[in-house]
C-alpha atoms as a PDB file:
ATOM      1  CA  MET A   1     -19.360 -40.481  27.394  1.00  0.00           C
ATOM      2  CA  THR A   2     -19.616 -37.739  29.871  1.00  0.00           C
ATOM      3  CA  GLU A   3     -21.176 -38.281  33.374  1.00  0.00           C
ATOM      4  CA  LEU A   4     -24.904 -37.374  33.606  1.00  0.00           C
ATOM      5  CA  THR A   5     -25.484 -34.533  36.412  1.00  0.00           C
ATOM      6  CA  GLY A   6     -29.039 -35.086  36.829  1.00  0.00           C
ATOM      7  CA  ARG A   7     -30.097 -31.653  35.463  1.00  0.00           C
ATOM      8  CA  PRO A   8     -31.576 -31.198  31.988  1.00  0.00           C
ATOM      9  CA  GLY A   9     -30.358 -28.813  29.614  1.00  0.00           C
ATOM     10  CA  PHE A  10     -27.144 -27.593  28.096  1.00  0.00           C
ATOM     11  CA  ALA A  11     -25.705 -25.723  31.183  1.00  0.00           C
ATOM     12  CA  ALA A  12     -22.075 -26.349  32.161  1.00  0.00           C
ATOM     13  CA  PRO A  13     -21.316 -27.703  35.689  1.00  0.00           C
ATOM     14  CA  ARG A  14     -20.846 -25.151  38.556  1.00  0.00           C
ATOM     15  CA  ALA A  15     -17.084 -26.099  38.960  1.00  0.00           C
ATOM     16  CA  GLY A  16     -16.464 -25.301  35.370  1.00  0.00           C
ATOM     17  CA  ARG A  17     -18.216 -21.909  35.784  1.00  0.00           C
ATOM     18  CA  THR A  18     -16.226 -20.712  38.706  1.00  0.00           C
ATOM     19  CA  ALA A  19     -12.949 -21.877  37.157  1.00  0.00           C
ATOM     20  CA  THR A  20     -13.822 -19.947  33.978  1.00  0.00           C
ATOM     21  CA  ARG A  21     -14.787 -16.811  36.076  1.00  0.00           C
ATOM     22  CA  ARG A  22     -11.509 -16.858  37.887  1.00  0.00           C
ATOM     23  CA  ARG A  23      -9.752 -16.813  34.532  1.00  0.00           C
ATOM     24  CA  VAL A  24     -11.748 -14.060  33.388  1.00  0.00           C
ATOM     25  CA  VAL A  25     -10.996 -12.171  36.577  1.00  0.00           C
ATOM     26  CA  ALA A  26      -7.376 -12.984  36.297  1.00  0.00           C
ATOM     27  CA  LEU A  27      -7.284 -11.422  32.595  1.00  0.00           C
ATOM     28  CA  GLU A  28      -9.161  -8.546  33.635  1.00  0.00           C
ATOM     29  CA  MET A  29      -6.611  -7.802  36.265  1.00  0.00           C
ATOM     30  CA  ILE A  30      -3.637  -8.066  33.990  1.00  0.00           C
ATOM     31  CA  ALA A  31      -5.343  -5.861  31.425  1.00  0.00           C
ATOM     32  CA  THR A  32      -6.105  -3.260  34.136  1.00  0.00           C
ATOM     33  CA  GLY A  33      -2.566  -3.375  35.411  1.00  0.00           C
ATOM     34  CA  THR A  34      -1.062  -3.272  31.908  1.00  0.00           C
ATOM     35  CA  LEU A  35      -3.132  -0.147  31.140  1.00  0.00           C
ATOM     36  CA  ALA A  36      -2.083   1.453  34.371  1.00  0.00           C
ATOM     37  CA  VAL A  37       1.643   0.953  33.311  1.00  0.00           C
ATOM     38  CA  SER A  38       1.257   2.133  29.890  1.00  0.00           C
ATOM     39  CA  LEU A  39      -0.599   5.258  31.158  1.00  0.00           C
ATOM     40  CA  ILE A  40       2.275   6.213  33.357  1.00  0.00           C
ATOM     41  CA  VAL A  41       4.830   5.490  30.774  1.00  0.00           C
ATOM     42  CA  ALA A  42       2.859   7.843  28.405  1.00  0.00           C
ATOM     43  CA  ALA A  43       2.537  10.569  31.036  1.00  0.00           C
ATOM     44  CA  THR A  44       6.258  10.359  31.794  1.00  0.00           C
ATOM     45  CA  ALA A  45       7.110  10.616  28.101  1.00  0.00           C
ATOM     46  CA  VAL A  46       4.950  13.644  27.678  1.00  0.00           C
ATOM     47  CA  SER A  47       6.162  15.534  30.587  1.00  0.00           C
ATOM     48  CA  MET A  48       9.732  14.797  29.452  1.00  0.00           C
ATOM     49  CA  GLY A  49       8.961  16.109  26.079  1.00  0.00           C
ATOM     50  CA  GLU A  50       7.453  19.415  27.423  1.00  0.00           C
ATOM     51  CA  ARG A  51      10.468  20.054  29.244  1.00  0.00           C
ATOM     52  CA  SER A  52      12.457  19.532  26.348  1.00  0.00           C
ATOM     53  CA  PHE A  53      10.468  21.881  24.317  1.00  0.00           C
ATOM     54  CA  ALA A  54      10.538  24.548  26.813  1.00  0.00           C
ATOM     55  CA  ARG A  55      14.325  24.522  27.073  1.00  0.00           C
ATOM     56  CA  GLY A  56      14.692  24.713  23.544  1.00  0.00           C
ATOM     57  CA  HIS A  57      16.184  21.145  22.902  1.00  0.00           C
ATOM     58  CA  ILE A  58      13.892  20.243  19.867  1.00  0.00           C
ATOM     59  CA  GLY A  59      16.253  18.509  17.828  1.00  0.00           C
ATOM     60  CA  GLY A  60      19.273  17.745  20.252  1.00  0.00           C
ATOM     61  CA  PRO A  61      22.750  18.782  19.911  1.00  0.00           C
ATOM     62  CA  ALA A  62      23.029  18.050  16.013  1.00  0.00           C
ATOM     63  CA  ALA A  63      20.221  20.454  15.337  1.00  0.00           C
ATOM     64  CA  ALA A  64      22.029  23.217  17.017  1.00  0.00           C
ATOM     65  CA  GLN A  65      25.133  22.984  14.881  1.00  0.00           C
ATOM     66  CA  MET A  66      23.302  22.968  11.528  1.00  0.00           C
ATOM     67  CA  PRO A  67      23.519  26.290   9.533  1.00  0.00           C
ATOM     68  CA  LEU A  68      20.348  28.080   8.734  1.00  0.00           C
ATOM     69  CA  PRO A  69      19.551  27.913   4.868  1.00  0.00           C
ATOM     70  CA  ARG A  70      20.310  31.219   2.953  1.00  0.00           C
ATOM     71  CA  GLN A  71      17.457  32.932   1.348  1.00  0.00           C
END
């Protein structure tokens, strides 16, 4: 049986609340860091893609060698 705390009700002991809060804070920090890294990766990919389109390297070297279809 669990140990009685002398407090009526269904509230968890204080020690359990601080451990839970620390877990939540740790998960929030991990999620924030992951979001920051993914935003940096996405911004890098977009900037590289814009440079590629501006230079005309849309399809790479294979697309430049393909003949145009006759009309």
